[in-house]
Amino acid sequence: MYTFLDTFIPSDSLGTPRLQTGEVIGALGRGTGGMTNILQTMFFSFLPILTDLKVAIIYLITVLYLWLGFILVIQVVFYFLVTFHFTKEKSPTVHE
């Protein structure tokens, strides 16, 4: 008969694998490293670029000419789409 705790605590009699402490710490370290990499990329690469683009678009629209801001928006969107397409096409697909 199963109890509430049996759903959270694996037992060897059920055939569930038990991880050693080092394996758990290694898995947590890899997950933490991946999240750190994602956050660093987001905050120190993408966010400054998007902020600069926003400032440039607002400046072009308000100070110079509306069409210059519009042209910049079109070029940036096209650049992101082409870069995404080629990156997706050239990156190897990992199958597990």
C-alpha atoms as a PDB file:
ATOM      1  CA  MET A   1       0.000   0.000   0.000  1.00  0.00           C
ATOM      2  CA  TYR A   2       1.336   3.432  -0.958  1.00  0.00           C
ATOM      3  CA  THR A   3       1.326   6.407   1.324  1.00  0.00           C
ATOM      4  CA  PHE A   4       1.590  10.100   0.518  1.00  0.00           C
ATOM      5  CA  LEU A   5       5.341  10.097   1.174  1.00  0.00           C
ATOM      6  CA  ASP A   6       5.952   7.236  -1.258  1.00  0.00           C
ATOM      7  CA  THR A   7       5.305   9.597  -4.147  1.00  0.00           C
ATOM      8  CA  PHE A   8       8.173  11.852  -3.033  1.00  0.00           C
ATOM      9  CA  ILE A   9      10.682   9.404  -1.560  1.00  0.00           C
ATOM     10  CA  PRO A  10      11.925   6.726  -3.958  1.00  0.00           C
ATOM     11  CA  SER A  11      12.438   3.300  -2.487  1.00  0.00           C
ATOM     12  CA  ASP A  12      14.739   0.598  -3.752  1.00  0.00           C
ATOM     13  CA  SER A  13      11.976  -1.989  -3.645  1.00  0.00           C
ATOM     14  CA  LEU A  14      10.096  -0.120  -6.367  1.00  0.00           C
ATOM     15  CA  GLY A  15      13.102  -0.296  -8.676  1.00  0.00           C
ATOM     16  CA  THR A  16      13.637   3.458  -8.796  1.00  0.00           C
ATOM     17  CA  PRO A  17      17.273   4.480  -9.107  1.00  0.00           C
ATOM     18  CA  ARG A  18      18.879   6.257  -6.199  1.00  0.00           C
ATOM     19  CA  LEU A  19      21.410   8.957  -7.002  1.00  0.00           C
ATOM     20  CA  GLN A  20      24.580   9.322  -5.013  1.00  0.00           C
ATOM     21  CA  THR A  21      25.231  12.663  -3.331  1.00  0.00           C
ATOM     22  CA  GLY A  22      27.968  13.568  -5.831  1.00  0.00           C
ATOM     23  CA  GLU A  23      25.677  12.916  -8.774  1.00  0.00           C
ATOM     24  CA  VAL A  24      22.977  15.154  -7.330  1.00  0.00           C
ATOM     25  CA  ILE A  25      25.456  17.947  -6.625  1.00  0.00           C
ATOM     26  CA  GLY A  26      26.888  17.579 -10.148  1.00  0.00           C
ATOM     27  CA  ALA A  27      23.431  17.772 -11.699  1.00  0.00           C
ATOM     28  CA  LEU A  28      22.590  20.844  -9.647  1.00  0.00           C
ATOM     29  CA  GLY A  29      25.900  22.429 -10.626  1.00  0.00           C
ATOM     30  CA  ARG A  30      25.223  21.902 -14.321  1.00  0.00           C
ATOM     31  CA  GLY A  31      21.742  23.368 -13.977  1.00  0.00           C
ATOM     32  CA  THR A  32      23.025  26.353 -12.031  1.00  0.00           C
ATOM     33  CA  GLY A  33      25.796  26.918 -14.567  1.00  0.00           C
ATOM     34  CA  GLY A  34      23.304  26.848 -17.430  1.00  0.00           C
ATOM     35  CA  MET A  35      20.999  29.338 -15.746  1.00  0.00           C
ATOM     36  CA  THR A  36      23.957  31.606 -14.957  1.00  0.00           C
ATOM     37  CA  ASN A  37      25.020  31.504 -18.602  1.00  0.00           C
ATOM     38  CA  ILE A  38      21.511  32.341 -19.812  1.00  0.00           C
ATOM     39  CA  LEU A  39      21.134  35.235 -17.373  1.00  0.00           C
ATOM     40  CA  GLN A  40      24.579  36.641 -18.194  1.00  0.00           C
ATOM     41  CA  THR A  41      23.851  36.482 -21.904  1.00  0.00           C
ATOM     42  CA  MET A  42      20.478  38.113 -21.432  1.00  0.00           C
ATOM     43  CA  PHE A  43      21.562  40.938 -19.126  1.00  0.00           C
ATOM     44  CA  PHE A  44      25.002  41.706 -20.555  1.00  0.00           C
ATOM     45  CA  SER A  45      24.447  41.086 -24.271  1.00  0.00           C
ATOM     46  CA  PHE A  46      20.828  41.331 -25.369  1.00  0.00           C
ATOM     47  CA  LEU A  47      19.489  43.910 -22.929  1.00  0.00           C
ATOM     48  CA  PRO A  48      22.117  46.601 -23.720  1.00  0.00           C
ATOM     49  CA  ILE A  49      21.646  46.063 -27.462  1.00  0.00           C
ATOM     50  CA  LEU A  50      17.871  46.365 -27.222  1.00  0.00           C
ATOM     51  CA  THR A  51      18.187  49.448 -25.011  1.00  0.00           C
ATOM     52  CA  ASP A  52      20.539  51.104 -27.515  1.00  0.00           C
ATOM     53  CA  LEU A  53      18.156  50.293 -30.354  1.00  0.00           C
ATOM     54  CA  LYS A  54      15.197  51.706 -28.450  1.00  0.00           C
ATOM     55  CA  VAL A  55      17.074  54.936 -27.712  1.00  0.00           C
ATOM     56  CA  ALA A  56      18.199  55.228 -31.344  1.00  0.00           C
ATOM     57  CA  ILE A  57      14.690  54.647 -32.691  1.00  0.00           C
ATOM     58  CA  ILE A  58      13.130  57.161 -30.298  1.00  0.00           C
ATOM     59  CA  TYR A  59      15.830  59.718 -31.136  1.00  0.00           C
ATOM     60  CA  LEU A  60      15.390  59.271 -34.875  1.00  0.00           C
ATOM     61  CA  ILE A  61      11.610  59.505 -34.645  1.00  0.00           C
ATOM     62  CA  THR A  62      11.464  62.559 -32.367  1.00  0.00           C
ATOM     63  CA  VAL A  63      14.450  64.630 -33.428  1.00  0.00           C
ATOM     64  CA  LEU A  64      15.209  63.844 -37.034  1.00  0.00           C
ATOM     65  CA  TYR A  65      12.548  62.241 -39.143  1.00  0.00           C
ATOM     66  CA  LEU A  66       9.819  59.645 -38.708  1.00  0.00           C
ATOM     67  CA  TRP A  67      10.864  57.581 -41.729  1.00  0.00           C
ATOM     68  CA  LEU A  68      14.433  57.164 -40.460  1.00  0.00           C
ATOM     69  CA  GLY A  69      13.110  55.514 -37.308  1.00  0.00           C
ATOM     70  CA  PHE A  70      10.824  53.322 -39.381  1.00  0.00           C
ATOM     71  CA  ILE A  71      13.692  52.297 -41.672  1.00  0.00           C
ATOM     72  CA  LEU A  72      15.819  51.411 -38.639  1.00  0.00           C
ATOM     73  CA  VAL A  73      13.032  49.256 -37.198  1.00  0.00           C
ATOM     74  CA  ILE A  74      12.640  47.395 -40.507  1.00  0.00           C
ATOM     75  CA  GLN A  75      16.403  46.814 -40.783  1.00  0.00           C
ATOM     76  CA  VAL A  76      16.705  45.534 -37.207  1.00  0.00           C
ATOM     77  CA  VAL A  77      13.775  43.140 -37.602  1.00  0.00           C
ATOM     78  CA  PHE A  78      15.190  41.858 -40.893  1.00  0.00           C
ATOM     79  CA  TYR A  79      18.654  41.449 -39.328  1.00  0.00           C
ATOM     80  CA  PHE A  80      17.265  39.466 -36.375  1.00  0.00           C
ATOM     81  CA  LEU A  81      15.196  37.212 -38.647  1.00  0.00           C
ATOM     82  CA  VAL A  82      18.098  36.462 -40.996  1.00  0.00           C
ATOM     83  CA  THR A  83      20.502  35.855 -38.093  1.00  0.00           C
ATOM     84  CA  PHE A  84      18.023  33.544 -36.369  1.00  0.00           C
ATOM     85  CA  HIS A  85      17.413  31.617 -39.588  1.00  0.00           C
ATOM     86  CA  PHE A  86      21.112  31.047 -40.345  1.00  0.00           C
ATOM     87  CA  THR A  87      21.944  30.207 -36.741  1.00  0.00           C
ATOM     88  CA  LYS A  88      19.136  27.659 -36.616  1.00  0.00           C
ATOM     89  CA  GLU A  89      20.167  26.206 -39.971  1.00  0.00           C
ATOM     90  CA  LYS A  90      23.864  25.852 -39.111  1.00  0.00           C
ATOM     91  CA  SER A  91      23.561  24.634 -35.521  1.00  0.00           C
ATOM     92  CA  PRO A  92      23.694  20.874 -35.027  1.00  0.00           C
ATOM     93  CA  THR A  93      20.560  19.206 -33.775  1.00  0.00           C
ATOM     94  CA  VAL A  94      21.040  17.055 -30.688  1.00  0.00           C
ATOM     95  CA  HIS A  95      18.788  13.998 -30.453  1.00  0.00           C
ATOM     96  CA  GLU A  96      18.515  12.176 -27.157  1.00  0.00           C
END
